[in-house]
Amino acid sequence: MRIALYPATFDPPTNGHLDIARRAARLFDRVIAAVYAEPSKNVWFGLEERVTLLRAALEREGLDNVEACPYQGLTVALAREVGAAAIVRGMRAVSDFEGEFQLASMNEQMAPDVETVLLMAGTRHFYLSSTIVKEIVWAGGDVTPWVPVPVAAALTERSAALRARAADHT
């Protein structure tokens, strides 16, 4: 069985994430979408919320060979733990290349037995990012074209809560 690890923050999961998961699911027997517990960037959703949103999105897509799980620590350590032959990463614009190249190079040095597979974002998702989605929601926009329905609802609710918290602190 060929297993791939697809690590990301998934804050929130977008249709771009699902596109990469769907395509990886065609290449591998099993894909583990690993939700990183301790990202360096500010997140709107806690770890369990991100895992729950991703699971709901994967289920709605019918991606039976893709599962979501939380993780912390080194990605290559998790890849070895689950027996992954590859780490799948999505690439959008050329600006992603340098960072992904550095990650792939370090991962190869730490785990030469685990390949890195870079999948180019589909043209519909080329400029889509979780950050942009959050900015649109924050500005009052509709993000349903770019995220699964349960994620859009969670984003709207979280945005309202963050706005209320910000208003309380002013």
Protein backbone atom coordinates (compact mmCIF):
# COMPACT_ATOMS: atom_id res chain seq x y z
CA MET A 1 0.00 0.00 0.00
CA ARG A 2 1.41 3.38 -1.04
CA ILE A 3 0.84 5.97 1.68
CA ALA A 4 1.33 9.73 1.33
CA LEU A 5 1.40 12.37 4.01
CA TYR A 6 -0.18 15.74 3.15
CA PRO A 7 0.82 18.16 5.94
CA ALA A 8 -0.54 21.70 6.28
CA THR A 9 -2.01 24.11 8.79
CA PHE A 10 -5.50 23.90 7.20
CA ASP A 11 -6.62 27.16 8.84
CA PRO A 12 -9.13 26.86 7.31
CA PRO A 13 -9.31 24.04 4.77
CA THR A 14 -9.98 25.51 1.32
CA ASN A 15 -11.10 24.07 -2.00
CA GLY A 16 -7.43 24.36 -2.99
CA HIS A 17 -6.49 21.99 -0.16
CA LEU A 18 -9.23 19.62 -1.27
CA ASP A 19 -8.00 19.76 -4.86
CA ILE A 20 -4.51 18.67 -3.76
CA ALA A 21 -6.00 15.95 -1.52
CA ARG A 22 -8.20 14.68 -4.36
CA ARG A 23 -5.28 14.52 -6.79
CA ALA A 24 -2.99 12.87 -4.22
CA ALA A 25 -5.76 10.33 -3.55
CA ARG A 26 -5.55 9.27 -7.20
CA LEU A 27 -1.78 8.76 -6.94
CA PHE A 28 -1.64 6.96 -3.58
CA ASP A 29 -3.66 4.22 -1.91
CA ARG A 30 -3.95 6.18 1.31
CA VAL A 31 -3.41 9.88 2.03
CA ILE A 32 -3.06 11.25 5.54
CA ALA A 33 -3.92 14.95 5.68
CA ALA A 34 -1.90 15.94 8.73
CA VAL A 35 -3.03 19.09 10.52
CA TYR A 36 -0.05 20.80 12.13
CA ALA A 37 -0.60 21.55 15.82
CA GLU A 38 1.85 24.40 16.31
CA PRO A 39 2.07 26.65 13.25
CA SER A 40 4.19 29.78 13.48
CA LYS A 41 1.41 31.83 11.91
CA ASN A 42 -1.66 33.14 13.71
CA VAL A 43 -4.60 30.77 13.36
CA TRP A 44 -8.31 31.44 13.67
CA PHE A 45 -9.16 27.88 14.64
CA GLY A 46 -7.72 25.57 17.26
CA LEU A 47 -6.21 22.23 16.32
CA GLU A 48 -9.31 20.12 16.98
CA GLU A 49 -11.50 22.60 15.11
CA ARG A 50 -9.21 22.46 12.08
CA VAL A 51 -9.20 18.65 12.16
CA THR A 52 -13.01 18.57 12.47
CA LEU A 53 -13.48 21.04 9.59
CA LEU A 54 -11.08 19.08 7.39
CA ARG A 55 -12.77 15.77 8.19
CA ALA A 56 -16.17 17.25 7.31
CA ALA A 57 -14.79 18.63 4.03
CA LEU A 58 -13.13 15.33 3.08
CA GLU A 59 -16.33 13.43 3.87
CA ARG A 60 -18.43 15.80 1.73
CA GLU A 61 -15.96 15.23 -1.13
CA GLY A 62 -16.25 11.46 -0.77
CA LEU A 63 -12.48 11.08 -0.40
CA ASP A 64 -12.60 7.72 1.35
CA ASN A 65 -8.86 7.09 1.11
CA VAL A 66 -7.96 10.45 2.68
CA GLU A 67 -8.03 10.85 6.44
CA ALA A 68 -7.33 13.85 8.66
CA CYS A 69 -5.30 13.68 11.83
CA PRO A 70 -3.49 16.15 14.08
CA TYR A 71 0.27 16.12 14.51
CA GLN A 72 3.14 17.97 16.08
CA GLY A 73 6.87 17.74 15.70
CA LEU A 74 8.79 16.94 12.55
CA THR A 75 6.82 16.05 9.46
CA VAL A 76 9.41 13.45 8.44
CA ALA A 77 9.03 11.76 11.83
CA LEU A 78 5.28 11.41 11.24
CA ALA A 79 5.91 10.23 7.67
CA ARG A 80 8.11 7.42 8.99
CA GLU A 81 5.68 6.61 11.81
CA VAL A 82 2.78 6.09 9.38
CA GLY A 83 4.91 4.39 6.72
CA ALA A 84 4.50 7.15 4.14
CA ALA A 85 6.47 6.80 0.94
CA ALA A 86 5.98 10.48 0.16
CA ILE A 87 5.16 13.89 1.56
CA VAL A 88 2.72 15.72 -0.71
CA ARG A 89 2.86 19.48 -0.89
CA GLY A 90 0.78 21.88 -2.96
CA MET A 91 2.44 24.70 -4.87
CA ARG A 92 0.71 27.81 -6.11
CA ALA A 93 2.62 30.76 -7.47
CA VAL A 94 6.34 30.79 -8.12
CA SER A 95 6.74 32.48 -4.73
CA ASP A 96 6.01 29.10 -3.08
CA PHE A 97 8.92 27.44 -4.84
CA GLU A 98 11.82 28.60 -2.69
CA GLY A 99 10.16 27.68 0.60
CA GLU A 100 8.99 24.31 -0.71
CA PHE A 101 12.45 23.62 -2.17
CA GLN A 102 14.05 24.33 1.21
CA LEU A 103 11.58 22.07 3.03
CA ALA A 104 12.04 19.27 0.50
CA SER A 105 15.83 19.55 0.74
CA MET A 106 15.85 19.40 4.55
CA ASN A 107 13.32 16.56 4.60
CA GLU A 108 15.45 14.62 2.13
CA GLN A 109 18.48 15.03 4.37
CA MET A 110 16.55 13.87 7.45
CA ALA A 111 14.61 11.09 5.71
CA PRO A 112 16.14 10.13 2.34
CA ASP A 113 13.67 7.25 2.09
CA VAL A 114 10.66 9.62 1.97
CA GLU A 115 10.07 11.43 -1.33
CA THR A 116 8.57 14.89 -1.64
CA VAL A 117 5.85 15.21 -4.28
CA LEU A 118 4.94 18.76 -5.28
CA LEU A 119 1.54 19.10 -6.91
CA MET A 120 0.82 22.32 -8.74
CA ALA A 121 -2.38 24.01 -7.73
CA GLY A 122 -5.14 23.82 -10.30
CA THR A 123 -5.65 27.05 -12.20
CA ARG A 124 -8.89 27.77 -10.31
CA HIS A 125 -6.95 27.66 -7.04
CA PHE A 126 -3.65 29.20 -8.09
CA TYR A 127 -3.99 32.32 -5.95
CA LEU A 128 -6.19 30.84 -3.25
CA SER A 129 -4.86 30.75 0.28
CA SER A 130 -6.33 30.40 3.74
CA THR A 131 -5.05 33.89 4.53
CA ILE A 132 -6.90 35.44 1.59
CA VAL A 133 -10.08 33.58 2.53
CA LYS A 134 -9.87 34.92 6.10
CA GLU A 135 -9.31 38.46 4.82
CA ILE A 136 -12.39 38.22 2.58
CA VAL A 137 -14.54 36.98 5.47
CA TRP A 138 -13.15 39.67 7.76
CA ALA A 139 -14.15 42.30 5.20
CA GLY A 140 -17.68 40.86 5.06
CA GLY A 141 -17.34 38.97 1.78
CA ASP A 142 -18.79 35.64 0.72
CA VAL A 143 -16.20 32.85 0.54
CA THR A 144 -18.46 29.99 -0.52
CA PRO A 145 -16.76 29.76 -3.96
CA TRP A 146 -13.43 28.96 -2.27
CA VAL A 147 -14.24 26.82 0.77
CA PRO A 148 -16.59 23.95 1.57
CA VAL A 149 -19.98 25.00 3.00
CA PRO A 150 -19.24 23.91 6.60
CA VAL A 151 -15.99 25.86 6.51
CA ALA A 152 -17.74 29.00 5.21
CA ALA A 153 -20.21 28.82 8.09
CA ALA A 154 -17.43 28.32 10.64
CA LEU A 155 -15.47 31.24 9.16
CA THR A 156 -18.46 33.57 9.35
CA GLU A 157 -19.08 32.59 12.97
CA ARG A 158 -15.41 32.94 13.94
CA SER A 159 -15.10 36.30 12.19
CA ALA A 160 -18.08 37.62 14.16
CA ALA A 161 -16.55 36.35 17.42
CA LEU A 162 -13.18 37.92 16.62
CA ARG A 163 -14.85 41.23 15.72
CA ALA A 164 -16.79 41.19 19.00
CA ARG A 165 -13.60 40.46 20.95
CA ALA A 166 -11.78 43.27 19.13
CA ALA A 167 -14.64 45.69 19.87
CA ASP A 168 -14.51 44.76 23.58
CA HIS A 169 -10.81 45.67 23.71
CA THR A 170 -11.23 49.15 22.23
